[in-house]
C-alpha cells in the first residue's frame, strides 16, 4: 500500500492538438525562410550533366538566368506542405507516444519514442509529403523565364496535369523512398530532440519550463543533423522518381531499388548523396526554426496549464 501511495501520479503532457498547432506555426515560418535552399537542392539532385558547380554557383545561375524570384519557385505548395506536414507530424507523434506511455508513470521509453516518430513519419509521407513534393519538384525543375514556355503554370495546374497524364497514382510517385526517408528521419529526430533538451537544458515535457528560443534552436539543429546523412539515398531516389514523366516512352526508373541500382551504375556511389550539403543547410536550420516556434507555443501551454505537474 505504501509503495502505491508513494508513486507519483501520471505525468501530464501537452495534448496532441496543441502539438499540432505548434507544428503548423513553425512550418509556416520555416518555409518562408528556407525555400531557396530547397530549390537549389532539387536542381543539384536533378543535374546529371554537371551544369551546376556547387551550391553558390547553382543559386547565382538560377538568379541570373531566371530571376531572383525563381529561388522561391514552388513556395505555395512547399509552405502548404510544410504546414500540413508539421501539423500531422506533431499531432500524430503525440498520439502515438500516448499509446506507448506507461499507464502508471506516464513516461515513455526510448524504444516507444523511436516507434512513435517512425509512425508519424510514415503517416505524413503517405498522406501529405509525397503528393506535395511531386508537385513541388515538377515546378522546381522547370527552366525558363517566359510563363508560356512552362509546362506547368502553377501548383493546381501541375497537379491536374499529372493526374490527367499519369493517373491519380502519379501524385504518389516515389512513395516508397519517401516513407523510408521520413519514417527514419522522424524516429531519429524526436528521440534526439528530447535527449538534447534533457541533456543540455534539463527540460522535461510537462515540467512547465519554457526554453528560450535559442535553446530550442540548438536542440532542434542538433536533432536535425543525423537524418539527412542516413537517408541521403532515399532522398535522391525520391526526387528522381517524382521528377520523371512518361513523355517520350517508358519511365527510366521502375521503382526504388531499380533507381538505386541505376544511379549507382551510371553515376557512382557518391551520387546517391547528391544534394546532401544543401539538405544539411536546410534541414537542421529548418528544425531549429520550427522548434523555436513550436517550443514557445507548447511552453506557453505548459507554463499556464501544466506548471504544477510533477517532474
C-alpha atoms as a PDB file:
ATOM      1  CA  UNK A   1       0.000   0.000   0.000  1.00  0.00           C
ATOM      2  CA  UNK A   2       2.756   2.414   0.953  1.00  0.00           C
ATOM      3  CA  UNK A   3       4.583   1.682  -2.293  1.00  0.00           C
ATOM      4  CA  UNK A   4       1.465   2.570  -4.235  1.00  0.00           C
ATOM      5  CA  UNK A   5       0.856   5.697  -2.159  1.00  0.00           C
ATOM      6  CA  UNK A   6       4.445   6.844  -2.743  1.00  0.00           C
ATOM      7  CA  UNK A   7       4.089   6.582  -6.512  1.00  0.00           C
ATOM      8  CA  UNK A   8       3.718   9.936  -8.233  1.00  0.00           C
ATOM      9  CA  UNK A   9       0.607  10.447 -10.368  1.00  0.00           C
ATOM     10  CA  UNK A  10       0.890  10.043 -14.152  1.00  0.00           C
ATOM     11  CA  UNK A  11       2.946  12.764 -15.774  1.00  0.00           C
ATOM     12  CA  UNK A  12       0.910  15.468 -17.501  1.00  0.00           C
ATOM     13  CA  UNK A  13       1.750  16.213 -21.117  1.00  0.00           C
ATOM     14  CA  UNK A  14       0.803  18.698 -23.797  1.00  0.00           C
ATOM     15  CA  UNK A  15      -2.259  17.384 -25.715  1.00  0.00           C
ATOM     16  CA  UNK A  16      -1.880  16.345 -29.364  1.00  0.00           C
ATOM     17  CA  UNK A  17      -3.981  19.228 -30.696  1.00  0.00           C
ATOM     18  CA  UNK A  18      -1.632  21.775 -29.105  1.00  0.00           C
ATOM     19  CA  UNK A  19       1.388  19.947 -30.562  1.00  0.00           C
ATOM     20  CA  UNK A  20      -0.323  20.071 -33.960  1.00  0.00           C
ATOM     21  CA  UNK A  21      -0.927  23.827 -33.682  1.00  0.00           C
ATOM     22  CA  UNK A  22       2.675  24.449 -32.662  1.00  0.00           C
ATOM     23  CA  UNK A  23       3.920  22.441 -35.631  1.00  0.00           C
ATOM     24  CA  UNK A  24       1.753  24.308 -38.134  1.00  0.00           C
ATOM     25  CA  UNK A  25       3.016  27.702 -36.974  1.00  0.00           C
ATOM     26  CA  UNK A  26       6.609  26.501 -37.071  1.00  0.00           C
ATOM     27  CA  UNK A  27       6.127  25.150 -40.587  1.00  0.00           C
ATOM     28  CA  UNK A  28       4.960  28.499 -41.979  1.00  0.00           C
ATOM     29  CA  UNK A  29       7.984  30.349 -40.636  1.00  0.00           C
ATOM     30  CA  UNK A  30      10.415  27.657 -41.801  1.00  0.00           C
ATOM     31  CA  UNK A  31       9.037  27.544 -45.364  1.00  0.00           C
ATOM     32  CA  UNK A  32       9.399  31.280 -45.922  1.00  0.00           C
ATOM     33  CA  UNK A  33      12.981  31.322 -44.640  1.00  0.00           C
ATOM     34  CA  UNK A  34      14.419  28.245 -46.333  1.00  0.00           C
ATOM     35  CA  UNK A  35      12.660  27.795 -49.685  1.00  0.00           C
ATOM     36  CA  UNK A  36      15.698  28.963 -51.773  1.00  0.00           C
ATOM     37  CA  UNK A  37      17.886  26.226 -50.294  1.00  0.00           C
ATOM     38  CA  UNK A  38      15.267  23.611 -51.173  1.00  0.00           C
ATOM     39  CA  UNK A  39      15.137  24.849 -54.775  1.00  0.00           C
ATOM     40  CA  UNK A  40      18.934  24.622 -55.047  1.00  0.00           C
ATOM     41  CA  UNK A  41      18.936  21.132 -53.525  1.00  0.00           C
ATOM     42  CA  UNK A  42      16.375  19.898 -56.046  1.00  0.00           C
ATOM     43  CA  UNK A  43      18.235  21.388 -59.021  1.00  0.00           C
ATOM     44  CA  UNK A  44      21.513  19.788 -57.883  1.00  0.00           C
ATOM     45  CA  UNK A  45      19.871  16.391 -57.481  1.00  0.00           C
ATOM     46  CA  UNK A  46      18.374  16.599 -60.985  1.00  0.00           C
ATOM     47  CA  UNK A  47      21.633  17.824 -62.576  1.00  0.00           C
ATOM     48  CA  UNK A  48      23.064  14.830 -64.456  1.00  0.00           C
ATOM     49  CA  UNK A  49      25.301  16.790 -66.846  1.00  0.00           C
ATOM     50  CA  UNK A  50      27.194  18.887 -64.317  1.00  0.00           C
ATOM     51  CA  UNK A  51      25.720  22.274 -65.236  1.00  0.00           C
ATOM     52  CA  UNK A  52      25.971  23.458 -61.645  1.00  0.00           C
ATOM     53  CA  UNK A  53      29.385  23.571 -59.954  1.00  0.00           C
ATOM     54  CA  UNK A  54      28.094  23.796 -56.411  1.00  0.00           C
ATOM     55  CA  UNK A  55      25.560  25.429 -54.121  1.00  0.00           C
ATOM     56  CA  UNK A  56      26.636  29.037 -54.681  1.00  0.00           C
ATOM     57  CA  UNK A  57      27.054  28.577 -58.443  1.00  0.00           C
ATOM     58  CA  UNK A  58      23.649  26.929 -58.652  1.00  0.00           C
ATOM     59  CA  UNK A  59      21.978  29.757 -56.744  1.00  0.00           C
ATOM     60  CA  UNK A  60      23.638  32.510 -58.747  1.00  0.00           C
ATOM     61  CA  UNK A  61      22.916  30.749 -62.034  1.00  0.00           C
ATOM     62  CA  UNK A  62      19.221  30.424 -61.191  1.00  0.00           C
ATOM     63  CA  UNK A  63      19.051  34.090 -60.116  1.00  0.00           C
ATOM     64  CA  UNK A  64      20.885  35.329 -63.212  1.00  0.00           C
ATOM     65  CA  UNK A  65      19.052  33.226 -65.797  1.00  0.00           C
ATOM     66  CA  UNK A  66      15.575  33.035 -64.251  1.00  0.00           C
ATOM     67  CA  UNK A  67      15.401  35.912 -61.789  1.00  0.00           C
ATOM     68  CA  UNK A  68      15.687  36.038 -58.001  1.00  0.00           C
ATOM     69  CA  UNK A  69      12.037  35.054 -57.596  1.00  0.00           C
ATOM     70  CA  UNK A  70      12.883  31.682 -59.149  1.00  0.00           C
ATOM     71  CA  UNK A  71      14.577  30.769 -55.852  1.00  0.00           C
ATOM     72  CA  UNK A  72      11.098  30.776 -54.323  1.00  0.00           C
ATOM     73  CA  UNK A  73       9.577  28.595 -57.058  1.00  0.00           C
ATOM     74  CA  UNK A  74       7.108  26.152 -55.582  1.00  0.00           C
ATOM     75  CA  UNK A  75       6.727  28.199 -52.367  1.00  0.00           C
ATOM     76  CA  UNK A  76       2.944  27.827 -52.262  1.00  0.00           C
ATOM     77  CA  UNK A  77       2.927  24.011 -52.288  1.00  0.00           C
ATOM     78  CA  UNK A  78       6.064  23.978 -50.132  1.00  0.00           C
ATOM     79  CA  UNK A  79       4.576  26.232 -47.432  1.00  0.00           C
ATOM     80  CA  UNK A  80       1.239  24.396 -47.514  1.00  0.00           C
ATOM     81  CA  UNK A  81       3.054  21.082 -47.489  1.00  0.00           C
ATOM     82  CA  UNK A  82       5.235  22.058 -44.505  1.00  0.00           C
ATOM     83  CA  UNK A  83       2.320  23.438 -42.522  1.00  0.00           C
ATOM     84  CA  UNK A  84       0.159  20.355 -43.044  1.00  0.00           C
ATOM     85  CA  UNK A  85       3.138  18.041 -42.598  1.00  0.00           C
ATOM     86  CA  UNK A  86       4.180  19.501 -39.257  1.00  0.00           C
ATOM     87  CA  UNK A  87       0.578  19.612 -38.061  1.00  0.00           C
ATOM     88  CA  UNK A  88       0.165  15.911 -38.807  1.00  0.00           C
ATOM     89  CA  UNK A  89       3.681  15.010 -37.641  1.00  0.00           C
ATOM     90  CA  UNK A  90       3.497  16.710 -34.263  1.00  0.00           C
ATOM     91  CA  UNK A  91      -0.096  15.702 -33.594  1.00  0.00           C
ATOM     92  CA  UNK A  92       0.256  12.060 -34.652  1.00  0.00           C
ATOM     93  CA  UNK A  93       3.572  11.680 -32.820  1.00  0.00           C
ATOM     94  CA  UNK A  94       1.903  12.900 -29.638  1.00  0.00           C
ATOM     95  CA  UNK A  95      -0.932  10.396 -30.147  1.00  0.00           C
ATOM     96  CA  UNK A  96       1.489   7.525 -30.807  1.00  0.00           C
ATOM     97  CA  UNK A  97       3.517   8.469 -27.738  1.00  0.00           C
ATOM     98  CA  UNK A  98       0.319   8.438 -25.690  1.00  0.00           C
ATOM     99  CA  UNK A  99      -0.255   4.842 -26.788  1.00  0.00           C
ATOM    100  CA  UNK A 100       3.307   3.819 -25.834  1.00  0.00           C
ATOM    101  CA  UNK A 101       3.409   5.592 -22.454  1.00  0.00           C
ATOM    102  CA  UNK A 102       3.395   3.692 -19.202  1.00  0.00           C
ATOM    103  CA  UNK A 103      -0.134   3.896 -17.793  1.00  0.00           C
ATOM    104  CA  UNK A 104       1.099   4.400 -14.222  1.00  0.00           C
ATOM    105  CA  UNK A 105       4.036   6.799 -14.585  1.00  0.00           C
ATOM    106  CA  UNK A 106       3.075   8.494 -17.836  1.00  0.00           C
ATOM    107  CA  UNK A 107       6.650   8.082 -19.097  1.00  0.00           C
ATOM    108  CA  UNK A 108       7.737   6.700 -22.454  1.00  0.00           C
ATOM    109  CA  UNK A 109      10.790   4.575 -23.247  1.00  0.00           C
ATOM    110  CA  UNK A 110      13.302   5.427 -25.963  1.00  0.00           C
ATOM    111  CA  UNK A 111      12.013   2.491 -27.987  1.00  0.00           C
ATOM    112  CA  UNK A 112       8.478   3.853 -27.737  1.00  0.00           C
ATOM    113  CA  UNK A 113       9.725   7.298 -28.751  1.00  0.00           C
ATOM    114  CA  UNK A 114      11.502   5.832 -31.812  1.00  0.00           C
ATOM    115  CA  UNK A 115       8.423   3.873 -32.888  1.00  0.00           C
ATOM    116  CA  UNK A 116       6.193   6.911 -32.385  1.00  0.00           C
ATOM    117  CA  UNK A 117       8.471   9.040 -34.545  1.00  0.00           C
ATOM    118  CA  UNK A 118       8.665   6.384 -37.254  1.00  0.00           C
ATOM    119  CA  UNK A 119       4.878   6.016 -37.293  1.00  0.00           C
ATOM    120  CA  UNK A 120       4.419   9.771 -37.581  1.00  0.00           C
ATOM    121  CA  UNK A 121       6.950   9.877 -40.434  1.00  0.00           C
ATOM    122  CA  UNK A 122       5.234   7.094 -42.371  1.00  0.00           C
ATOM    123  CA  UNK A 123       1.831   8.722 -41.905  1.00  0.00           C
ATOM    124  CA  UNK A 124       2.992  12.140 -43.086  1.00  0.00           C
ATOM    125  CA  UNK A 125       4.841  10.615 -46.056  1.00  0.00           C
ATOM    126  CA  UNK A 126       1.741   8.868 -47.388  1.00  0.00           C
ATOM    127  CA  UNK A 127      -0.897  11.458 -46.523  1.00  0.00           C
ATOM    128  CA  UNK A 128       0.896  14.716 -47.294  1.00  0.00           C
ATOM    129  CA  UNK A 129       4.571  14.686 -48.236  1.00  0.00           C
ATOM    130  CA  UNK A 130       4.566  12.568 -51.398  1.00  0.00           C
ATOM    131  CA  UNK A 131       1.852  14.342 -53.448  1.00  0.00           C
ATOM    132  CA  UNK A 132       3.015  17.808 -52.394  1.00  0.00           C
ATOM    133  CA  UNK A 133       6.651  17.066 -53.190  1.00  0.00           C
ATOM    134  CA  UNK A 134       5.756  15.613 -56.590  1.00  0.00           C
ATOM    135  CA  UNK A 135       4.098  18.938 -57.491  1.00  0.00           C
ATOM    136  CA  UNK A 136       6.894  20.989 -55.916  1.00  0.00           C
ATOM    137  CA  UNK A 137       9.666  19.097 -57.739  1.00  0.00           C
ATOM    138  CA  UNK A 138       7.885  19.268 -61.104  1.00  0.00           C
ATOM    139  CA  UNK A 139       7.592  23.055 -60.676  1.00  0.00           C
ATOM    140  CA  UNK A 140      11.189  23.476 -59.493  1.00  0.00           C
ATOM    141  CA  UNK A 141      12.750  21.511 -62.341  1.00  0.00           C
ATOM    142  CA  UNK A 142      11.233  23.820 -64.951  1.00  0.00           C
ATOM    143  CA  UNK A 143      13.632  26.254 -66.545  1.00  0.00           C
ATOM    144  CA  UNK A 144      12.740  29.400 -68.448  1.00  0.00           C
ATOM    145  CA  UNK A 145      11.601  32.943 -67.816  1.00  0.00           C
ATOM    146  CA  UNK A 146       8.549  33.055 -70.079  1.00  0.00           C
ATOM    147  CA  UNK A 147       5.390  31.612 -68.450  1.00  0.00           C
ATOM    148  CA  UNK A 148       4.006  30.414 -71.783  1.00  0.00           C
ATOM    149  CA  UNK A 149       7.056  28.177 -72.227  1.00  0.00           C
ATOM    150  CA  UNK A 150       6.477  26.375 -68.937  1.00  0.00           C
ATOM    151  CA  UNK A 151       4.569  23.105 -68.990  1.00  0.00           C
ATOM    152  CA  UNK A 152       3.178  23.599 -65.508  1.00  0.00           C
ATOM    153  CA  UNK A 153       1.604  27.019 -64.873  1.00  0.00           C
ATOM    154  CA  UNK A 154       1.185  26.607 -61.122  1.00  0.00           C
ATOM    155  CA  UNK A 155       0.632  24.036 -58.371  1.00  0.00           C
ATOM    156  CA  UNK A 156      -3.051  23.388 -59.117  1.00  0.00           C
ATOM    157  CA  UNK A 157      -2.455  23.171 -62.878  1.00  0.00           C
ATOM    158  CA  UNK A 158       0.531  20.903 -62.228  1.00  0.00           C
ATOM    159  CA  UNK A 159      -1.499  18.511 -60.066  1.00  0.00           C
ATOM    160  CA  UNK A 160      -4.327  18.371 -62.619  1.00  0.00           C
ATOM    161  CA  UNK A 161      -1.931  17.712 -65.486  1.00  0.00           C
ATOM    162  CA  UNK A 162      -0.163  14.929 -63.596  1.00  0.00           C
ATOM    163  CA  UNK A 163      -3.493  13.235 -62.835  1.00  0.00           C
ATOM    164  CA  UNK A 164      -4.614  13.615 -66.462  1.00  0.00           C
ATOM    165  CA  UNK A 165      -1.377  12.266 -67.982  1.00  0.00           C
ATOM    166  CA  UNK A 166      -0.223   9.766 -65.357  1.00  0.00           C
ATOM    167  CA  UNK A 167      -3.313   8.945 -63.322  1.00  0.00           C
ATOM    168  CA  UNK A 168      -4.038   9.701 -59.678  1.00  0.00           C
ATOM    169  CA  UNK A 169      -1.167   7.484 -58.554  1.00  0.00           C
ATOM    170  CA  UNK A 170       1.192   9.805 -60.416  1.00  0.00           C
ATOM    171  CA  UNK A 171       0.948  12.122 -57.402  1.00  0.00           C
ATOM    172  CA  UNK A 172       2.389   9.297 -55.278  1.00  0.00           C
ATOM    173  CA  UNK A 173       5.449   8.638 -57.450  1.00  0.00           C
ATOM    174  CA  UNK A 174       8.391   7.899 -55.184  1.00  0.00           C
ATOM    175  CA  UNK A 175       6.195   6.950 -52.218  1.00  0.00           C
ATOM    176  CA  UNK A 176       8.425   4.049 -51.078  1.00  0.00           C
ATOM    177  CA  UNK A 177      11.668   6.020 -50.618  1.00  0.00           C
ATOM    178  CA  UNK A 178       9.658   8.895 -49.133  1.00  0.00           C
ATOM    179  CA  UNK A 179       8.200   6.571 -46.499  1.00  0.00           C
ATOM    180  CA  UNK A 180      11.646   5.215 -45.661  1.00  0.00           C
ATOM    181  CA  UNK A 181      13.179   8.691 -45.540  1.00  0.00           C
ATOM    182  CA  UNK A 182      10.503  10.325 -43.425  1.00  0.00           C
ATOM    183  CA  UNK A 183       9.983   7.385 -41.087  1.00  0.00           C
ATOM    184  CA  UNK A 184      13.693   7.145 -40.307  1.00  0.00           C
ATOM    185  CA  UNK A 185      14.086  10.913 -40.055  1.00  0.00           C
ATOM    186  CA  UNK A 186      11.296  11.373 -37.543  1.00  0.00           C
ATOM    187  CA  UNK A 187      12.271   8.359 -35.442  1.00  0.00           C
ATOM    188  CA  UNK A 188      15.738   9.870 -35.025  1.00  0.00           C
ATOM    189  CA  UNK A 189      14.627  13.488 -34.758  1.00  0.00           C
ATOM    190  CA  UNK A 190      12.011  13.176 -31.992  1.00  0.00           C
ATOM    191  CA  UNK A 191      14.250  10.943 -29.913  1.00  0.00           C
ATOM    192  CA  UNK A 192      17.282  13.190 -30.364  1.00  0.00           C
ATOM    193  CA  UNK A 193      15.340  16.406 -29.677  1.00  0.00           C
ATOM    194  CA  UNK A 194      14.042  15.075 -26.376  1.00  0.00           C
ATOM    195  CA  UNK A 195      17.506  13.798 -25.420  1.00  0.00           C
ATOM    196  CA  UNK A 196      19.183  17.139 -26.184  1.00  0.00           C
ATOM    197  CA  UNK A 197      16.506  19.045 -24.241  1.00  0.00           C
ATOM    198  CA  UNK A 198      17.132  16.890 -21.181  1.00  0.00           C
ATOM    199  CA  UNK A 199      20.916  16.757 -21.561  1.00  0.00           C
ATOM    200  CA  UNK A 200      21.550  20.417 -22.342  1.00  0.00           C
ATOM    201  CA  UNK A 201      18.737  22.278 -20.607  1.00  0.00           C
ATOM    202  CA  UNK A 202      17.285  19.805 -18.056  1.00  0.00           C
ATOM    203  CA  UNK A 203      13.939  20.272 -19.772  1.00  0.00           C
ATOM    204  CA  UNK A 204      11.348  17.512 -19.304  1.00  0.00           C
ATOM    205  CA  UNK A 205       7.976  17.535 -21.005  1.00  0.00           C
ATOM    206  CA  UNK A 206       5.248  18.668 -18.648  1.00  0.00           C
ATOM    207  CA  UNK A 207       7.556  20.390 -16.138  1.00  0.00           C
ATOM    208  CA  UNK A 208       6.256  23.857 -17.029  1.00  0.00           C
ATOM    209  CA  UNK A 209       9.700  25.108 -18.037  1.00  0.00           C
ATOM    210  CA  UNK A 210       9.808  27.203 -21.200  1.00  0.00           C
ATOM    211  CA  UNK A 211      13.004  27.037 -23.225  1.00  0.00           C
ATOM    212  CA  UNK A 212      14.428  30.213 -24.663  1.00  0.00           C
ATOM    213  CA  UNK A 213      14.193  30.299 -28.489  1.00  0.00           C
ATOM    214  CA  UNK A 214      17.970  29.984 -28.834  1.00  0.00           C
ATOM    215  CA  UNK A 215      17.929  26.881 -26.630  1.00  0.00           C
ATOM    216  CA  UNK A 216      15.211  25.297 -28.780  1.00  0.00           C
ATOM    217  CA  UNK A 217      17.171  26.198 -31.912  1.00  0.00           C
ATOM    218  CA  UNK A 218      20.315  24.472 -30.650  1.00  0.00           C
ATOM    219  CA  UNK A 219      18.421  21.304 -29.700  1.00  0.00           C
ATOM    220  CA  UNK A 220      16.471  21.319 -32.965  1.00  0.00           C
ATOM    221  CA  UNK A 221      19.571  21.942 -35.073  1.00  0.00           C
ATOM    222  CA  UNK A 222      21.481  19.075 -33.464  1.00  0.00           C
ATOM    223  CA  UNK A 223      18.490  16.737 -33.742  1.00  0.00           C
ATOM    224  CA  UNK A 224      18.127  17.549 -37.440  1.00  0.00           C
ATOM    225  CA  UNK A 225      21.682  16.666 -38.483  1.00  0.00           C
ATOM    226  CA  UNK A 226      21.678  12.862 -38.358  1.00  0.00           C
ATOM    227  CA  UNK A 227      18.689  12.185 -40.597  1.00  0.00           C
ATOM    228  CA  UNK A 228      19.982  13.690 -43.879  1.00  0.00           C
ATOM    229  CA  UNK A 229      23.209  11.668 -43.732  1.00  0.00           C
ATOM    230  CA  UNK A 230      21.382   8.397 -43.042  1.00  0.00           C
ATOM    231  CA  UNK A 231      18.600   8.936 -45.572  1.00  0.00           C
ATOM    232  CA  UNK A 232      20.502  10.651 -48.425  1.00  0.00           C
ATOM    233  CA  UNK A 233      19.991   7.821 -50.969  1.00  0.00           C
ATOM    234  CA  UNK A 234      16.259   7.699 -50.245  1.00  0.00           C
ATOM    235  CA  UNK A 235      16.011  11.442 -50.839  1.00  0.00           C
ATOM    236  CA  UNK A 236      17.884  11.319 -54.170  1.00  0.00           C
ATOM    237  CA  UNK A 237      15.803   8.359 -55.390  1.00  0.00           C
ATOM    238  CA  UNK A 238      12.610  10.074 -54.243  1.00  0.00           C
ATOM    239  CA  UNK A 239      13.490  13.186 -56.247  1.00  0.00           C
ATOM    240  CA  UNK A 240      14.357  11.200 -59.398  1.00  0.00           C
ATOM    241  CA  UNK A 241      11.149   9.131 -59.230  1.00  0.00           C
ATOM    242  CA  UNK A 242       8.992  12.199 -58.653  1.00  0.00           C
ATOM    243  CA  UNK A 243      10.645  14.223 -61.429  1.00  0.00           C
ATOM    244  CA  UNK A 244      10.335  11.659 -64.224  1.00  0.00           C
ATOM    245  CA  UNK A 245       7.370  11.740 -66.569  1.00  0.00           C
ATOM    246  CA  UNK A 246       6.015   9.369 -69.220  1.00  0.00           C
ATOM    247  CA  UNK A 247       6.800  11.735 -72.073  1.00  0.00           C
ATOM    248  CA  UNK A 248       8.700  10.029 -74.886  1.00  0.00           C
ATOM    249  CA  UNK A 249       8.151   6.452 -73.772  1.00  0.00           C
ATOM    250  CA  UNK A 250       8.751   4.262 -70.718  1.00  0.00           C
ATOM    251  CA  UNK A 251       9.942   5.528 -67.379  1.00  0.00           C
ATOM    252  CA  UNK A 252      13.674   5.266 -66.750  1.00  0.00           C
ATOM    253  CA  UNK A 253      13.345   4.218 -63.115  1.00  0.00           C
ATOM    254  CA  UNK A 254      10.980   1.317 -62.369  1.00  0.00           C
ATOM    255  CA  UNK A 255      10.992   1.716 -58.598  1.00  0.00           C
ATOM    256  CA  UNK A 256      13.099   2.464 -55.549  1.00  0.00           C
ATOM    257  CA  UNK A 257      15.517  -0.490 -55.771  1.00  0.00           C
ATOM    258  CA  UNK A 258      15.884  -0.183 -59.547  1.00  0.00           C
ATOM    259  CA  UNK A 259      16.583   3.544 -59.199  1.00  0.00           C
ATOM    260  CA  UNK A 260      19.277   2.971 -56.567  1.00  0.00           C
ATOM    261  CA  UNK A 261      20.987   0.366 -58.768  1.00  0.00           C
ATOM    262  CA  UNK A 262      20.738   2.515 -61.913  1.00  0.00           C
ATOM    263  CA  UNK A 263      22.143   5.630 -60.230  1.00  0.00           C
ATOM    264  CA  UNK A 264      24.964   3.598 -58.684  1.00  0.00           C
ATOM    265  CA  UNK A 265      25.920   2.007 -62.027  1.00  0.00           C
ATOM    266  CA  UNK A 266      25.615   5.129 -64.173  1.00  0.00           C
ATOM    267  CA  UNK A 267      26.802   7.852 -61.795  1.00  0.00           C
ATOM    268  CA  UNK A 268      28.690   6.159 -58.971  1.00  0.00           C
ATOM    269  CA  UNK A 269      28.041   5.600 -55.268  1.00  0.00           C
ATOM    270  CA  UNK A 270      28.627   9.215 -54.263  1.00  0.00           C
ATOM    271  CA  UNK A 271      25.733  10.317 -56.487  1.00  0.00           C
ATOM    272  CA  UNK A 272      23.329   8.692 -54.041  1.00  0.00           C
ATOM    273  CA  UNK A 273      24.223  11.535 -51.676  1.00  0.00           C
ATOM    274  CA  UNK A 274      23.820  14.316 -54.248  1.00  0.00           C
ATOM    275  CA  UNK A 275      22.355  17.404 -52.653  1.00  0.00           C
ATOM    276  CA  UNK A 276      23.493  16.351 -49.168  1.00  0.00           C
ATOM    277  CA  UNK A 277      25.173  19.670 -48.393  1.00  0.00           C
ATOM    278  CA  UNK A 278      22.112  21.786 -49.242  1.00  0.00           C
ATOM    279  CA  UNK A 279      19.997  19.298 -47.258  1.00  0.00           C
ATOM    280  CA  UNK A 280      22.310  19.863 -44.303  1.00  0.00           C
ATOM    281  CA  UNK A 281      21.998  23.589 -44.930  1.00  0.00           C
ATOM    282  CA  UNK A 282      18.212  23.339 -44.968  1.00  0.00           C
ATOM    283  CA  UNK A 283      17.027  20.592 -42.609  1.00  0.00           C
ATOM    284  CA  UNK A 284      18.976  21.357 -39.388  1.00  0.00           C
ATOM    285  CA  UNK A 285      18.293  25.123 -39.669  1.00  0.00           C
ATOM    286  CA  UNK A 286      14.706  24.285 -40.586  1.00  0.00           C
ATOM    287  CA  UNK A 287      14.339  22.143 -37.487  1.00  0.00           C
ATOM    288  CA  UNK A 288      15.943  24.924 -35.443  1.00  0.00           C
ATOM    289  CA  UNK A 289      13.382  27.449 -36.720  1.00  0.00           C
ATOM    290  CA  UNK A 290      10.432  25.089 -36.376  1.00  0.00           C
ATOM    291  CA  UNK A 291      11.296  24.033 -32.820  1.00  0.00           C
ATOM    292  CA  UNK A 292      11.986  27.622 -31.746  1.00  0.00           C
ATOM    293  CA  UNK A 293       8.386  28.460 -32.694  1.00  0.00           C
ATOM    294  CA  UNK A 294       6.811  25.171 -31.586  1.00  0.00           C
ATOM    295  CA  UNK A 295       8.514  25.155 -28.170  1.00  0.00           C
ATOM    296  CA  UNK A 296       7.273  28.668 -27.449  1.00  0.00           C
ATOM    297  CA  UNK A 297       3.701  27.595 -28.185  1.00  0.00           C
ATOM    298  CA  UNK A 298       3.876  24.374 -26.169  1.00  0.00           C
ATOM    299  CA  UNK A 299       5.942  26.116 -23.488  1.00  0.00           C
ATOM    300  CA  UNK A 300       3.221  28.720 -23.072  1.00  0.00           C
ATOM    301  CA  UNK A 301       0.675  25.923 -22.678  1.00  0.00           C
ATOM    302  CA  UNK A 302       2.851  24.061 -20.187  1.00  0.00           C
ATOM    303  CA  UNK A 303       3.553  27.190 -18.172  1.00  0.00           C
ATOM    304  CA  UNK A 304      -0.103  28.102 -17.999  1.00  0.00           C
ATOM    305  CA  UNK A 305      -1.753  24.715 -17.517  1.00  0.00           C
ATOM    306  CA  UNK A 306       0.894  22.148 -16.503  1.00  0.00           C
ATOM    307  CA  UNK A 307       3.185  24.085 -14.153  1.00  0.00           C
ATOM    308  CA  UNK A 308       2.038  22.061 -11.189  1.00  0.00           C
ATOM    309  CA  UNK A 309       2.731  18.752 -12.941  1.00  0.00           C
ATOM    310  CA  UNK A 310       5.334  16.503 -11.259  1.00  0.00           C
ATOM    311  CA  UNK A 311       8.770  16.255 -12.907  1.00  0.00           C
END
